[in-house]
Amino acid sequence: MNQQTTPVSSTPRRPASDSFDNSGGNRNRLAKHSRNNDHPPHYEPIDQQHHPILAPHHHQQHAFNLNILKHAVSNNLPSFFIIFDSSIDPSSIPSSIQVAIMLKKLFTNNQLPIKDLSMCVQAGARRFKFAVSDKADFLTLFNGTWPLEIEDKKFEVIKPRSLPDCLALVVRYVPSDIKQETARQQILKAIPAAVGFSTINYRHRQNSLYDIRFNVRSLEQYQTAPDLGRLAIGHHYLPLTSFFSGYRLTYCTACWKIGHMRIKGTILTGDFNVTSDEWGTHSTDKRGVLL
């Protein structure tokens, strides 16, 4: 007589209570969830009086003048000063807005292509400070001749002492056997509007070379010369580039705070910087390096 044997599986069976069909717990949770959704949610109106809407302050007490910001970030052009004569009665001195209007009329009457003033503020009892944000406008005012009167008021215009760095060019890698006066004459032959020559020496250069920096009073010559790329001095064809001034940020390399510079002989302490003379003895910082 043959007996039937039930095959044994290596995978254990899951209890019937764990199935979804026979799970009472799951049905109870679904039922509670459906009962909670029978009634639509109730939204209470929000009282806007208790929750005010913050609106941007368009008129603040300490608003920043955008014209001053525009002048500060555009080419770093220096300012001009207009000083009214002492013979003018103080009550007849115009305001800064009136001075700006006078200057615009003066530019129009003399057919000066000045686009706009970027700044015009009072800098004294009889002195006003004004500026432009365009290189062409700056050179027009810098090279031009100013009248002695404006609307029957005697005045004087104080120009900047020198041209800014944004109107400077540099001749690179001039050999030391070429004298500076010879190089200067060669530059003036190529760029007649060049002024304010100075020499730049680099310590890291192994060869005895130097650079010559100069300003250009003509905007056309300033823009055309770098496009050519090179300038002939003697038997050399040297690179000609624009001058880029470095960022002058005053900070201390000992405490890394802005506003002062580190003095030679300064040592690091836990709270502040003191010099070796004030400390009395040679000291080292936490790394054991003598400063």
C-alpha atoms as a PDB file:
ATOM      1  CA  MET A   1       0.000   0.000   0.000  1.00  0.00           C
ATOM      2  CA  ASN A   2       1.510   3.272  -1.101  1.00  0.00           C
ATOM      3  CA  GLN A   3       1.416   6.199   1.376  1.00  0.00           C
ATOM      4  CA  GLN A   4       1.233   9.747  -0.026  1.00  0.00           C
ATOM      5  CA  THR A   5       3.882  12.066   1.410  1.00  0.00           C
ATOM      6  CA  THR A   6       3.515  15.814   1.570  1.00  0.00           C
ATOM      7  CA  PRO A   7       6.524  17.650   0.076  1.00  0.00           C
ATOM      8  CA  VAL A   8       8.416  19.723   2.614  1.00  0.00           C
ATOM      9  CA  SER A   9       9.401  23.228   1.498  1.00  0.00           C
ATOM     10  CA  SER A  10      12.449  24.985   2.856  1.00  0.00           C
ATOM     11  CA  THR A  11      10.590  28.329   2.872  1.00  0.00           C
ATOM     12  CA  PRO A  12       8.546  28.814   6.059  1.00  0.00           C
ATOM     13  CA  ARG A  13       4.899  29.595   5.632  1.00  0.00           C
ATOM     14  CA  ARG A  14       3.576  32.983   6.652  1.00  0.00           C
ATOM     15  CA  PRO A  15       0.808  32.858   9.244  1.00  0.00           C
ATOM     16  CA  ALA A  16      -2.680  33.542   8.036  1.00  0.00           C
ATOM     17  CA  SER A  17      -2.957  36.539  10.324  1.00  0.00           C
ATOM     18  CA  ASP A  18      -0.200  38.303   8.341  1.00  0.00           C
ATOM     19  CA  SER A  19      -2.072  38.218   5.029  1.00  0.00           C
ATOM     20  CA  PHE A  20      -3.862  41.257   3.767  1.00  0.00           C
ATOM     21  CA  ASP A  21      -7.114  39.428   3.245  1.00  0.00           C
ATOM     22  CA  ASN A  22      -7.398  38.219   6.832  1.00  0.00           C
ATOM     23  CA  SER A  23      -5.718  41.169   8.569  1.00  0.00           C
ATOM     24  CA  GLY A  24      -8.207  42.708  10.926  1.00  0.00           C
ATOM     25  CA  GLY A  25      -5.752  45.373  11.974  1.00  0.00           C
ATOM     26  CA  ASN A  26      -5.370  46.630   8.438  1.00  0.00           C
ATOM     27  CA  ARG A  27      -9.129  46.680   7.970  1.00  0.00           C
ATOM     28  CA  ASN A  28      -9.531  48.652  11.179  1.00  0.00           C
ATOM     29  CA  ARG A  29      -6.952  51.186  10.071  1.00  0.00           C
ATOM     30  CA  LEU A  30      -8.614  51.544   6.670  1.00  0.00           C
ATOM     31  CA  ALA A  31     -11.985  51.982   8.302  1.00  0.00           C
ATOM     32  CA  LYS A  32     -10.677  54.701  10.625  1.00  0.00           C
ATOM     33  CA  HIS A  33      -9.042  56.428   7.705  1.00  0.00           C
ATOM     34  CA  SER A  34     -12.277  56.341   5.684  1.00  0.00           C
ATOM     35  CA  ARG A  35     -14.283  57.683   8.651  1.00  0.00           C
ATOM     36  CA  ASN A  36     -11.887  60.554   9.016  1.00  0.00           C
ATOM     37  CA  ASN A  37     -12.337  61.445   5.354  1.00  0.00           C
ATOM     38  CA  ASP A  38     -16.153  61.402   5.539  1.00  0.00           C
ATOM     39  CA  HIS A  39     -16.229  65.041   6.590  1.00  0.00           C
ATOM     40  CA  PRO A  40     -14.378  67.587   4.447  1.00  0.00           C
ATOM     41  CA  PRO A  41     -11.704  69.564   6.251  1.00  0.00           C
ATOM     42  CA  HIS A  42     -12.802  72.802   7.792  1.00  0.00           C
ATOM     43  CA  TYR A  43     -10.625  75.808   7.078  1.00  0.00           C
ATOM     44  CA  GLU A  44     -10.959  78.762   9.372  1.00  0.00           C
ATOM     45  CA  PRO A  45     -10.575  82.181   7.778  1.00  0.00           C
ATOM     46  CA  ILE A  46      -7.339  83.915   8.667  1.00  0.00           C
ATOM     47  CA  ASP A  47      -7.667  87.313  10.159  1.00  0.00           C
ATOM     48  CA  GLN A  48      -5.300  89.524   8.255  1.00  0.00           C
ATOM     49  CA  GLN A  49      -5.382  92.051  11.028  1.00  0.00           C
ATOM     50  CA  HIS A  50      -3.482  89.663  13.295  1.00  0.00           C
ATOM     51  CA  HIS A  51      -1.122  88.595  10.476  1.00  0.00           C
ATOM     52  CA  PRO A  52       0.074  91.759   8.726  1.00  0.00           C
ATOM     53  CA  ILE A  53       1.733  91.492   5.340  1.00  0.00           C
ATOM     54  CA  LEU A  54       5.267  92.805   5.326  1.00  0.00           C
ATOM     55  CA  ALA A  55       5.662  95.174   2.417  1.00  0.00           C
ATOM     56  CA  PRO A  56       9.068  96.355   1.197  1.00  0.00           C
ATOM     57  CA  HIS A  57      10.117  99.746   2.442  1.00  0.00           C
ATOM     58  CA  HIS A  58      10.533 101.855  -0.648  1.00  0.00           C
ATOM     59  CA  HIS A  59      11.255 105.027   1.271  1.00  0.00           C
ATOM     60  CA  GLN A  60      13.720 104.348   4.019  1.00  0.00           C
ATOM     61  CA  GLN A  61      15.321 106.976   6.129  1.00  0.00           C
ATOM     62  CA  HIS A  62      18.888 105.992   5.171  1.00  0.00           C
ATOM     63  CA  ALA A  63      18.457 105.285   1.456  1.00  0.00           C
ATOM     64  CA  PHE A  64      21.649 104.802  -0.595  1.00  0.00           C
ATOM     65  CA  ASN A  65      22.198 106.977  -3.629  1.00  0.00           C
ATOM     66  CA  LEU A  66      22.513 104.772  -6.704  1.00  0.00           C
ATOM     67  CA  ASN A  67      24.438 107.482  -8.560  1.00  0.00           C
ATOM     68  CA  ILE A  68      27.171 107.378  -5.923  1.00  0.00           C
ATOM     69  CA  LEU A  69      27.294 103.572  -6.204  1.00  0.00           C
ATOM     70  CA  LYS A  70      27.462 103.826  -9.992  1.00  0.00           C
ATOM     71  CA  HIS A  71      30.370 106.241  -9.734  1.00  0.00           C
ATOM     72  CA  ALA A  72      32.176 104.028  -7.207  1.00  0.00           C
ATOM     73  CA  VAL A  73      32.103 100.865  -9.342  1.00  0.00           C
ATOM     74  CA  SER A  74      32.609 102.362 -12.805  1.00  0.00           C
ATOM     75  CA  ASN A  75      36.264 102.620 -13.822  1.00  0.00           C
ATOM     76  CA  ASN A  76      37.265 104.308 -10.553  1.00  0.00           C
ATOM     77  CA  LEU A  77      37.315 107.744 -12.206  1.00  0.00           C
ATOM     78  CA  PRO A  78      38.367 110.643  -9.960  1.00  0.00           C
ATOM     79  CA  SER A  79      36.091 113.576  -9.267  1.00  0.00           C
ATOM     80  CA  PHE A  80      36.160 117.256 -10.185  1.00  0.00           C
ATOM     81  CA  PHE A  81      35.581 120.182  -7.850  1.00  0.00           C
ATOM     82  CA  ILE A  82      33.862 123.469  -8.600  1.00  0.00           C
ATOM     83  CA  ILE A  83      34.554 126.367  -6.217  1.00  0.00           C
ATOM     84  CA  PHE A  84      32.540 129.595  -6.326  1.00  0.00           C
ATOM     85  CA  ASP A  85      34.318 132.885  -5.768  1.00  0.00           C
ATOM     86  CA  SER A  86      34.389 134.432  -2.315  1.00  0.00           C
ATOM     87  CA  SER A  87      32.815 137.632  -3.701  1.00  0.00           C
ATOM     88  CA  ILE A  88      29.488 135.816  -4.100  1.00  0.00           C
ATOM     89  CA  ASP A  89      27.065 136.286  -1.241  1.00  0.00           C
ATOM     90  CA  PRO A  90      26.525 133.065   0.766  1.00  0.00           C
ATOM     91  CA  SER A  91      22.780 133.317   0.217  1.00  0.00           C
ATOM     92  CA  SER A  92      23.386 133.297  -3.541  1.00  0.00           C
ATOM     93  CA  ILE A  93      25.366 130.050  -3.513  1.00  0.00           C
ATOM     94  CA  PRO A  94      23.321 127.484  -5.481  1.00  0.00           C
ATOM     95  CA  SER A  95      22.426 124.025  -4.205  1.00  0.00           C
ATOM     96  CA  SER A  96      23.861 120.799  -5.539  1.00  0.00           C
ATOM     97  CA  ILE A  97      20.856 120.265  -7.806  1.00  0.00           C
ATOM     98  CA  GLN A  98      21.178 123.770  -9.183  1.00  0.00           C
ATOM     99  CA  VAL A  99      24.905 123.241  -9.795  1.00  0.00           C
ATOM    100  CA  ALA A 100      24.128 120.056 -11.731  1.00  0.00           C
ATOM    101  CA  ILE A 101      21.623 121.970 -13.867  1.00  0.00           C
ATOM    102  CA  MET A 102      24.184 124.742 -14.472  1.00  0.00           C
ATOM    103  CA  LEU A 103      26.796 122.223 -15.571  1.00  0.00           C
ATOM    104  CA  LYS A 104      24.402 120.492 -17.967  1.00  0.00           C
ATOM    105  CA  LYS A 105      23.511 123.840 -19.537  1.00  0.00           C
ATOM    106  CA  LEU A 106      27.198 124.676 -19.803  1.00  0.00           C
ATOM    107  CA  PHE A 107      27.898 121.396 -21.590  1.00  0.00           C
ATOM    108  CA  THR A 108      25.017 121.960 -23.983  1.00  0.00           C
ATOM    109  CA  ASN A 109      26.004 125.551 -24.811  1.00  0.00           C
ATOM    110  CA  ASN A 110      29.599 124.524 -25.513  1.00  0.00           C
ATOM    111  CA  GLN A 111      28.498 121.437 -27.481  1.00  0.00           C
ATOM    112  CA  LEU A 112      30.318 119.028 -25.172  1.00  0.00           C
ATOM    113  CA  PRO A 113      29.099 115.438 -25.622  1.00  0.00           C
ATOM    114  CA  ILE A 114      28.762 114.702 -21.898  1.00  0.00           C
ATOM    115  CA  LYS A 115      26.251 111.927 -21.324  1.00  0.00           C
ATOM    116  CA  ASP A 116      25.369 112.393 -17.690  1.00  0.00           C
ATOM    117  CA  LEU A 117      26.766 113.287 -14.270  1.00  0.00           C
ATOM    118  CA  SER A 118      27.165 110.344 -11.956  1.00  0.00           C
ATOM    119  CA  MET A 119      27.534 112.506  -8.843  1.00  0.00           C
ATOM    120  CA  CYS A 120      27.091 116.112  -7.741  1.00  0.00           C
ATOM    121  CA  VAL A 121      27.232 116.810  -4.005  1.00  0.00           C
ATOM    122  CA  GLN A 122      28.211 119.752  -1.837  1.00  0.00           C
ATOM    123  CA  ALA A 123      31.683 119.369  -0.300  1.00  0.00           C
ATOM    124  CA  GLY A 124      31.971 122.705   1.512  1.00  0.00           C
ATOM    125  CA  ALA A 125      30.422 126.112   1.907  1.00  0.00           C
ATOM    126  CA  ARG A 126      31.378 127.138  -1.639  1.00  0.00           C
ATOM    127  CA  ARG A 127      32.734 123.884  -3.039  1.00  0.00           C
ATOM    128  CA  PHE A 128      30.883 121.165  -4.931  1.00  0.00           C
ATOM    129  CA  LYS A 129      32.080 117.763  -6.072  1.00  0.00           C
ATOM    130  CA  PHE A 130      30.918 116.237  -9.345  1.00  0.00           C
ATOM    131  CA  ALA A 131      31.968 113.258 -11.459  1.00  0.00           C
ATOM    132  CA  VAL A 132      31.145 111.269 -14.577  1.00  0.00           C
ATOM    133  CA  SER A 133      31.052 107.512 -15.131  1.00  0.00           C
ATOM    134  CA  ASP A 134      32.319 107.350 -18.719  1.00  0.00           C
ATOM    135  CA  LYS A 135      35.962 107.478 -19.814  1.00  0.00           C
ATOM    136  CA  ALA A 136      35.213 109.643 -22.844  1.00  0.00           C
ATOM    137  CA  ASP A 137      33.312 112.166 -20.712  1.00  0.00           C
ATOM    138  CA  PHE A 138      36.120 112.228 -18.164  1.00  0.00           C
ATOM    139  CA  LEU A 139      38.785 112.940 -20.785  1.00  0.00           C
ATOM    140  CA  THR A 140      36.603 115.645 -22.336  1.00  0.00           C
ATOM    141  CA  LEU A 141      36.350 117.435 -19.000  1.00  0.00           C
ATOM    142  CA  PHE A 142      39.997 116.765 -18.148  1.00  0.00           C
ATOM    143  CA  ASN A 143      41.436 118.065 -21.430  1.00  0.00           C
ATOM    144  CA  GLY A 144      38.941 120.892 -21.924  1.00  0.00           C
ATOM    145  CA  THR A 145      39.231 124.571 -20.956  1.00  0.00           C
ATOM    146  CA  TRP A 146      36.688 125.849 -18.476  1.00  0.00           C
ATOM    147  CA  PRO A 147      35.190 129.363 -18.549  1.00  0.00           C
ATOM    148  CA  LEU A 148      35.582 131.822 -15.679  1.00  0.00           C
ATOM    149  CA  GLU A 149      31.870 132.383 -15.075  1.00  0.00           C
ATOM    150  CA  ILE A 150      28.739 130.306 -15.038  1.00  0.00           C
ATOM    151  CA  GLU A 151      25.419 132.176 -15.044  1.00  0.00           C
ATOM    152  CA  ASP A 152      27.155 135.403 -13.971  1.00  0.00           C
ATOM    153  CA  LYS A 153      28.867 133.664 -11.035  1.00  0.00           C
ATOM    154  CA  LYS A 154      32.657 133.447 -10.882  1.00  0.00           C
ATOM    155  CA  PHE A 155      33.902 129.944 -10.268  1.00  0.00           C
ATOM    156  CA  GLU A 156      36.966 127.742 -10.612  1.00  0.00           C
ATOM    157  CA  VAL A 157      37.172 124.071 -11.563  1.00  0.00           C
ATOM    158  CA  ILE A 158      39.798 121.911  -9.843  1.00  0.00           C
ATOM    159  CA  LYS A 159      40.802 119.005 -12.074  1.00  0.00           C
ATOM    160  CA  PRO A 160      42.333 115.728 -10.833  1.00  0.00           C
ATOM    161  CA  ARG A 161      46.103 115.861 -10.535  1.00  0.00           C
ATOM    162  CA  SER A 162      46.672 112.828 -12.729  1.00  0.00           C
ATOM    163  CA  LEU A 163      44.826 110.410 -14.948  1.00  0.00           C
ATOM    164  CA  PRO A 164      43.387 107.263 -13.326  1.00  0.00           C
ATOM    165  CA  ASP A 165      44.758 103.736 -13.688  1.00  0.00           C
ATOM    166  CA  CYS A 166      41.928 102.768 -16.032  1.00  0.00           C
ATOM    167  CA  LEU A 167      43.561 104.990 -18.695  1.00  0.00           C
ATOM    168  CA  ALA A 168      47.062 103.554 -18.311  1.00  0.00           C
ATOM    169  CA  LEU A 169      49.102 101.254 -20.560  1.00  0.00           C
ATOM    170  CA  VAL A 170      52.249  99.219 -19.913  1.00  0.00           C
ATOM    171  CA  VAL A 171      55.118  98.284 -22.239  1.00  0.00           C
ATOM    172  CA  ARG A 172      56.375  94.903 -21.015  1.00  0.00           C
ATOM    173  CA  TYR A 173      59.867  93.385 -20.825  1.00  0.00           C
ATOM    174  CA  VAL A 174      62.018  96.366 -21.778  1.00  0.00           C
ATOM    175  CA  PRO A 175      65.708  95.300 -21.776  1.00  0.00           C
ATOM    176  CA  SER A 176      67.895  97.078 -19.256  1.00  0.00           C
ATOM    177  CA  ASP A 177      70.361  98.137 -21.952  1.00  0.00           C
ATOM    178  CA  ILE A 178      67.679 100.515 -23.308  1.00  0.00           C
ATOM    179  CA  LYS A 179      67.667 103.732 -21.289  1.00  0.00           C
ATOM    180  CA  GLN A 180      64.387 104.957 -19.876  1.00  0.00           C
ATOM    181  CA  GLU A 181      64.596 108.280 -21.746  1.00  0.00           C
ATOM    182  CA  THR A 182      65.137 106.445 -25.028  1.00  0.00           C
ATOM    183  CA  ALA A 183      62.145 104.194 -24.372  1.00  0.00           C
ATOM    184  CA  ARG A 184      60.055 107.223 -23.429  1.00  0.00           C
ATOM    185  CA  GLN A 185      60.870 108.984 -26.709  1.00  0.00           C
ATOM    186  CA  GLN A 186      60.000 105.874 -28.691  1.00  0.00           C
ATOM    187  CA  ILE A 187      56.645 105.590 -26.919  1.00  0.00           C
ATOM    188  CA  LEU A 188      55.852 109.271 -27.605  1.00  0.00           C
ATOM    189  CA  LYS A 189      56.540 108.738 -31.316  1.00  0.00           C
ATOM    190  CA  ALA A 190      53.962 105.955 -31.414  1.00  0.00           C
ATOM    191  CA  ILE A 191      51.485 107.405 -28.876  1.00  0.00           C
ATOM    192  CA  PRO A 192      51.727 111.230 -28.772  1.00  0.00           C
ATOM    193  CA  ALA A 193      49.071 111.484 -26.030  1.00  0.00           C
ATOM    194  CA  ALA A 194      51.178 109.482 -23.538  1.00  0.00           C
ATOM    195  CA  VAL A 195      51.922 111.245 -20.227  1.00  0.00           C
ATOM    196  CA  GLY A 196      53.026 110.345 -16.713  1.00  0.00           C
ATOM    197  CA  PHE A 197      55.771 107.800 -17.359  1.00  0.00           C
ATOM    198  CA  SER A 198      56.969 105.521 -14.559  1.00  0.00           C
ATOM    199  CA  THR A 199      59.104 102.379 -14.302  1.00  0.00           C
ATOM    200  CA  ILE A 200      58.016  99.043 -12.843  1.00  0.00           C
ATOM    201  CA  ASN A 201      60.734  96.694 -11.614  1.00  0.00           C
ATOM    202  CA  TYR A 202      60.102  93.062 -10.627  1.00  0.00           C
ATOM    203  CA  ARG A 203      62.357  91.235  -8.198  1.00  0.00           C
ATOM    204  CA  HIS A 204      61.272  87.754  -9.293  1.00  0.00           C
ATOM    205  CA  ARG A 205      62.547  88.238 -12.835  1.00  0.00           C
ATOM    206  CA  GLN A 206      65.874  86.572 -13.429  1.00  0.00           C
ATOM    207  CA  ASN A 207      66.734  88.703 -16.456  1.00  0.00           C
ATOM    208  CA  SER A 208      67.344  92.426 -16.109  1.00  0.00           C
ATOM    209  CA  LEU A 209      64.049  93.589 -17.594  1.00  0.00           C
ATOM    210  CA  TYR A 210      61.640  96.330 -16.582  1.00  0.00           C
ATOM    211  CA  ASP A 211      58.223  97.680 -17.585  1.00  0.00           C
ATOM    212  CA  ILE A 212      57.183 101.231 -18.438  1.00  0.00           C
ATOM    213  CA  ARG A 213      53.769 102.457 -17.327  1.00  0.00           C
ATOM    214  CA  PHE A 214      52.140 105.601 -18.744  1.00  0.00           C
ATOM    215  CA  ASN A 215      48.742 107.267 -19.095  1.00  0.00           C
ATOM    216  CA  VAL A 216      47.019 108.258 -22.313  1.00  0.00           C
ATOM    217  CA  ARG A 217      45.065 111.516 -22.638  1.00  0.00           C
ATOM    218  CA  SER A 218      43.281 110.454 -25.834  1.00  0.00           C
ATOM    219  CA  LEU A 219      40.588 107.806 -25.668  1.00  0.00           C
ATOM    220  CA  GLU A 220      41.067 106.819 -29.320  1.00  0.00           C
ATOM    221  CA  GLN A 221      44.791 106.239 -28.849  1.00  0.00           C
ATOM    222  CA  TYR A 222      44.164 104.401 -25.574  1.00  0.00           C
ATOM    223  CA  GLN A 223      41.731 102.013 -27.235  1.00  0.00           C
ATOM    224  CA  THR A 224      43.703 101.525 -30.462  1.00  0.00           C
ATOM    225  CA  ALA A 225      47.166 100.897 -28.992  1.00  0.00           C
ATOM    226  CA  PRO A 226      46.303  97.684 -27.068  1.00  0.00           C
ATOM    227  CA  ASP A 227      44.581  96.317 -30.177  1.00  0.00           C
ATOM    228  CA  LEU A 228      47.910  96.391 -32.012  1.00  0.00           C
ATOM    229  CA  GLY A 229      49.402  94.371 -29.180  1.00  0.00           C
ATOM    230  CA  ARG A 230      53.050  95.419 -29.524  1.00  0.00           C
ATOM    231  CA  LEU A 231      55.228  98.512 -29.670  1.00  0.00           C
ATOM    232  CA  ALA A 232      58.640  98.930 -31.332  1.00  0.00           C
ATOM    233  CA  ILE A 233      61.408 100.247 -29.052  1.00  0.00           C
ATOM    234  CA  GLY A 234      64.839 100.105 -30.612  1.00  0.00           C
ATOM    235  CA  HIS A 235      65.279  96.728 -32.275  1.00  0.00           C
ATOM    236  CA  HIS A 236      62.721  95.072 -30.011  1.00  0.00           C
ATOM    237  CA  TYR A 237      59.014  94.516 -30.641  1.00  0.00           C
ATOM    238  CA  LEU A 238      57.657  94.562 -27.073  1.00  0.00           C
ATOM    239  CA  PRO A 239      54.194  93.630 -25.767  1.00  0.00           C
ATOM    240  CA  LEU A 240      51.790  96.479 -24.960  1.00  0.00           C
ATOM    241  CA  THR A 241      48.952  95.785 -22.538  1.00  0.00           C
ATOM    242  CA  SER A 242      46.509  97.643 -20.339  1.00  0.00           C
ATOM    243  CA  PHE A 243      47.455  98.382 -16.761  1.00  0.00           C
ATOM    244  CA  PHE A 244      45.470  96.574 -14.082  1.00  0.00           C
ATOM    245  CA  SER A 245      45.832  98.000 -10.614  1.00  0.00           C
ATOM    246  CA  GLY A 246      45.838  95.585  -7.706  1.00  0.00           C
ATOM    247  CA  TYR A 247      43.173  95.480  -5.013  1.00  0.00           C
ATOM    248  CA  ARG A 248      44.427  97.499  -2.062  1.00  0.00           C
ATOM    249  CA  LEU A 249      42.784  95.912   0.957  1.00  0.00           C
ATOM    250  CA  THR A 250      44.307  96.885   4.285  1.00  0.00           C
ATOM    251  CA  TYR A 251      44.303  93.905   6.620  1.00  0.00           C
ATOM    252  CA  CYS A 252      46.562  92.374   9.241  1.00  0.00           C
ATOM    253  CA  THR A 253      48.231  89.052   8.443  1.00  0.00           C
ATOM    254  CA  ALA A 254      48.551  88.237  12.156  1.00  0.00           C
ATOM    255  CA  CYS A 255      44.978  88.644  13.399  1.00  0.00           C
ATOM    256  CA  TRP A 256      43.347  88.770   9.897  1.00  0.00           C
ATOM    257  CA  LYS A 257      41.282  91.848  10.757  1.00  0.00           C
ATOM    258  CA  ILE A 258      40.549  94.601   8.275  1.00  0.00           C
ATOM    259  CA  GLY A 259      41.592  98.147   9.126  1.00  0.00           C
ATOM    260  CA  HIS A 260      45.274  97.911  10.032  1.00  0.00           C
ATOM    261  CA  MET A 261      48.433  96.250   8.786  1.00  0.00           C
ATOM    262  CA  ARG A 262      50.868  94.004  10.558  1.00  0.00           C
ATOM    263  CA  ILE A 263      53.994  95.732  11.905  1.00  0.00           C
ATOM    264  CA  LYS A 264      57.378  94.116  11.455  1.00  0.00           C
ATOM    265  CA  GLY A 265      58.395  92.222  14.559  1.00  0.00           C
ATOM    266  CA  THR A 266      54.813  91.540  15.618  1.00  0.00           C
ATOM    267  CA  ILE A 267      54.248  88.311  17.563  1.00  0.00           C
ATOM    268  CA  LEU A 268      51.048  86.363  18.025  1.00  0.00           C
ATOM    269  CA  THR A 269      49.495  86.051  21.469  1.00  0.00           C
ATOM    270  CA  GLY A 270      46.223  84.632  22.631  1.00  0.00           C
ATOM    271  CA  ASP A 271      44.288  87.898  22.615  1.00  0.00           C
ATOM    272  CA  PHE A 272      46.090  90.541  20.575  1.00  0.00           C
ATOM    273  CA  ASN A 273      49.288  91.419  18.732  1.00  0.00           C
ATOM    274  CA  VAL A 274      52.258  92.965  20.504  1.00  0.00           C
ATOM    275  CA  THR A 275      55.696  93.807  19.224  1.00  0.00           C
ATOM    276  CA  SER A 276      58.872  92.127  20.352  1.00  0.00           C
ATOM    277  CA  ASP A 277      60.015  95.309  22.087  1.00  0.00           C
ATOM    278  CA  GLU A 278      56.792  95.541  24.075  1.00  0.00           C
ATOM    279  CA  TRP A 279      56.960  91.876  25.005  1.00  0.00           C
ATOM    280  CA  GLY A 280      60.569  92.239  26.091  1.00  0.00           C
ATOM    281  CA  THR A 281      61.849  88.946  24.728  1.00  0.00           C
ATOM    282  CA  HIS A 282      61.786  87.012  21.487  1.00  0.00           C
ATOM    283  CA  SER A 283      58.648  84.941  21.393  1.00  0.00           C
ATOM    284  CA  THR A 284      57.074  82.424  19.099  1.00  0.00           C
ATOM    285  CA  ASP A 285      53.523  81.705  18.107  1.00  0.00           C
ATOM    286  CA  LYS A 286      51.645  78.469  18.725  1.00  0.00           C
ATOM    287  CA  ARG A 287      53.381  76.780  15.800  1.00  0.00           C
ATOM    288  CA  GLY A 288      56.784  77.584  17.288  1.00  0.00           C
ATOM    289  CA  VAL A 289      57.782  79.944  14.476  1.00  0.00           C
ATOM    290  CA  LEU A 290      59.576  83.139  15.396  1.00  0.00           C
ATOM    291  CA  LEU A 291      57.721  86.092  13.963  1.00  0.00           C
END
